[in-house]
């Protein structure tokens, strides 16, 4: 598999996991910086998925 495609798929899966964490776990008070905003959660977990898939 192409390494760039593999990394992109990892980023997409990570972003989906980040959104699921925001949606189902979340932060009731809004003070949690990673779980209170869906865009931040998707960006952070997308980066984690990218790094995991690319092996870095």
N, C-alpha and C. Protein backbone atom coordinates (compact mmCIF):
# COMPACT_ATOMS: atom_id res chain seq x y z
N UNK A 1 0.85 -1.18 0.00
CA UNK A 1 0.00 0.00 0.00
C UNK A 1 0.90 1.24 0.00
N UNK A 2 0.47 2.26 -0.69
CA UNK A 2 1.19 3.52 -0.75
C UNK A 2 1.29 4.13 0.65
N UNK A 3 2.49 4.54 1.09
CA UNK A 3 2.65 5.08 2.44
C UNK A 3 1.82 6.35 2.69
N UNK A 4 1.66 7.18 1.66
CA UNK A 4 0.86 8.40 1.82
C UNK A 4 -0.61 8.06 2.01
N UNK A 5 -1.10 7.09 1.25
CA UNK A 5 -2.49 6.66 1.39
C UNK A 5 -2.72 6.02 2.76
N UNK A 6 -1.76 5.23 3.20
CA UNK A 6 -1.87 4.59 4.51
C UNK A 6 -1.93 5.64 5.63
N UNK A 7 -1.10 6.68 5.52
CA UNK A 7 -1.11 7.75 6.52
C UNK A 7 -2.41 8.55 6.48
N UNK A 8 -2.93 8.78 5.28
CA UNK A 8 -4.19 9.52 5.15
C UNK A 8 -5.35 8.73 5.75
N UNK A 9 -5.36 7.44 5.51
CA UNK A 9 -6.41 6.60 6.10
C UNK A 9 -6.29 6.60 7.62
N UNK A 10 -5.07 6.55 8.13
CA UNK A 10 -4.86 6.62 9.57
C UNK A 10 -5.37 7.92 10.15
N UNK A 11 -5.15 9.03 9.44
CA UNK A 11 -5.63 10.33 9.92
C UNK A 11 -7.15 10.39 9.91
N UNK A 12 -7.77 9.84 8.89
CA UNK A 12 -9.24 9.85 8.81
C UNK A 12 -9.84 8.98 9.91
N UNK A 13 -9.27 7.81 10.13
CA UNK A 13 -9.77 6.94 11.20
C UNK A 13 -9.55 7.59 12.56
N UNK A 14 -8.40 8.22 12.75
CA UNK A 14 -8.15 8.91 14.01
C UNK A 14 -9.11 10.05 14.25
N UNK A 15 -9.43 10.81 13.19
CA UNK A 15 -10.40 11.90 13.33
C UNK A 15 -11.79 11.36 13.66
N UNK A 16 -12.15 10.24 13.07
CA UNK A 16 -13.45 9.62 13.39
C UNK A 16 -13.49 9.16 14.85
N UNK A 17 -12.39 8.61 15.32
CA UNK A 17 -12.32 8.21 16.73
C UNK A 17 -12.41 9.43 17.63
N UNK A 18 -11.74 10.51 17.25
CA UNK A 18 -11.81 11.75 18.03
C UNK A 18 -13.22 12.29 18.11
N UNK A 19 -13.96 12.24 16.99
CA UNK A 19 -15.35 12.70 17.03
C UNK A 19 -16.21 11.80 17.89
N UNK A 20 -15.96 10.49 17.83
CA UNK A 20 -16.73 9.56 18.66
C UNK A 20 -16.46 9.80 20.14
N UNK A 21 -15.21 10.09 20.48
CA UNK A 21 -14.90 10.40 21.88
C UNK A 21 -15.61 11.68 22.30
N UNK A 22 -15.60 12.70 21.43
CA UNK A 22 -16.32 13.94 21.74
C UNK A 22 -17.80 13.66 21.92
N UNK A 23 -18.38 12.87 21.04
CA UNK A 23 -19.83 12.66 21.04
C UNK A 23 -20.29 11.79 22.20
N UNK A 24 -19.57 10.70 22.48
CA UNK A 24 -20.06 9.74 23.46
C UNK A 24 -19.45 9.89 24.84
N UNK A 25 -18.23 10.41 24.94
CA UNK A 25 -17.61 10.63 26.24
C UNK A 25 -17.75 12.09 26.62
N UNK A 26 -17.19 12.95 25.79
CA UNK A 26 -17.35 14.39 25.92
C UNK A 26 -16.94 14.96 27.26
N UNK A 27 -17.36 16.19 27.45
CA UNK A 27 -17.07 16.92 28.69
C UNK A 27 -18.31 17.71 29.04
N UNK A 28 -18.96 17.35 30.08
CA UNK A 28 -20.24 17.98 30.45
C UNK A 28 -20.10 19.45 30.82
N UNK A 29 -18.97 19.82 31.45
CA UNK A 29 -18.82 21.20 31.92
C UNK A 29 -18.25 22.13 30.87
N UNK A 30 -17.61 21.59 29.83
CA UNK A 30 -17.01 22.41 28.80
C UNK A 30 -15.62 22.91 29.14
N UNK A 31 -15.04 22.41 30.23
CA UNK A 31 -13.71 22.87 30.63
C UNK A 31 -12.59 21.95 30.16
N UNK A 32 -12.92 20.82 29.58
CA UNK A 32 -11.90 19.90 29.08
C UNK A 32 -11.48 20.36 27.68
N UNK A 33 -10.23 20.74 27.49
CA UNK A 33 -9.84 21.31 26.19
C UNK A 33 -9.90 20.32 25.03
N UNK A 34 -9.68 19.04 25.29
CA UNK A 34 -9.68 18.07 24.18
C UNK A 34 -11.06 17.51 23.87
N UNK A 35 -11.94 17.45 24.83
CA UNK A 35 -13.23 16.81 24.61
C UNK A 35 -14.39 17.79 24.49
N UNK A 36 -14.20 19.07 24.76
CA UNK A 36 -15.32 20.00 24.72
C UNK A 36 -15.57 20.57 23.33
N UNK A 37 -14.61 20.45 22.41
CA UNK A 37 -14.74 20.99 21.07
C UNK A 37 -14.49 19.86 20.06
N UNK A 38 -15.45 19.60 19.15
CA UNK A 38 -15.25 18.48 18.22
C UNK A 38 -14.09 18.69 17.26
N UNK A 39 -13.83 19.93 16.86
CA UNK A 39 -12.74 20.20 15.91
C UNK A 39 -11.38 19.92 16.54
N UNK A 40 -11.22 20.30 17.78
CA UNK A 40 -9.95 20.04 18.46
C UNK A 40 -9.76 18.54 18.68
N UNK A 41 -10.82 17.86 19.10
CA UNK A 41 -10.74 16.41 19.31
C UNK A 41 -10.39 15.69 18.02
N UNK A 42 -11.02 16.08 16.91
CA UNK A 42 -10.72 15.43 15.64
C UNK A 42 -9.31 15.74 15.16
N UNK A 43 -8.84 16.96 15.39
CA UNK A 43 -7.48 17.32 14.96
C UNK A 43 -6.44 16.55 15.75
N UNK A 44 -6.61 16.48 17.06
CA UNK A 44 -5.63 15.78 17.90
C UNK A 44 -5.62 14.29 17.58
N UNK A 45 -6.77 13.67 17.54
CA UNK A 45 -6.83 12.24 17.28
C UNK A 45 -6.49 11.92 15.83
N UNK A 46 -6.76 12.84 14.90
CA UNK A 46 -6.33 12.66 13.52
C UNK A 46 -4.82 12.65 13.42
N UNK A 47 -4.17 13.53 14.17
CA UNK A 47 -2.71 13.55 14.19
C UNK A 47 -2.16 12.27 14.80
N UNK A 48 -2.79 11.79 15.86
CA UNK A 48 -2.36 10.52 16.46
C UNK A 48 -2.52 9.37 15.47
N UNK A 49 -3.64 9.33 14.77
CA UNK A 49 -3.86 8.29 13.77
C UNK A 49 -2.87 8.37 12.63
N UNK A 50 -2.54 9.59 12.20
CA UNK A 50 -1.55 9.77 11.14
C UNK A 50 -0.18 9.26 11.58
N UNK A 51 0.22 9.62 12.78
CA UNK A 51 1.53 9.20 13.27
C UNK A 51 1.57 7.68 13.49
N UNK A 52 0.48 7.12 13.96
CA UNK A 52 0.43 5.67 14.17
C UNK A 52 0.52 4.93 12.84
N UNK A 53 -0.21 5.41 11.84
CA UNK A 53 -0.23 4.72 10.54
C UNK A 53 1.07 4.89 9.78
N UNK A 54 1.71 6.05 9.97
CA UNK A 54 2.95 6.27 9.23
C UNK A 54 4.16 5.64 9.93
N UNK A 55 3.99 5.21 11.15
CA UNK A 55 5.06 4.54 11.87
C UNK A 55 6.07 5.48 12.47
N UNK A 56 5.70 6.72 12.73
CA UNK A 56 6.64 7.69 13.29
C UNK A 56 6.37 7.92 14.74
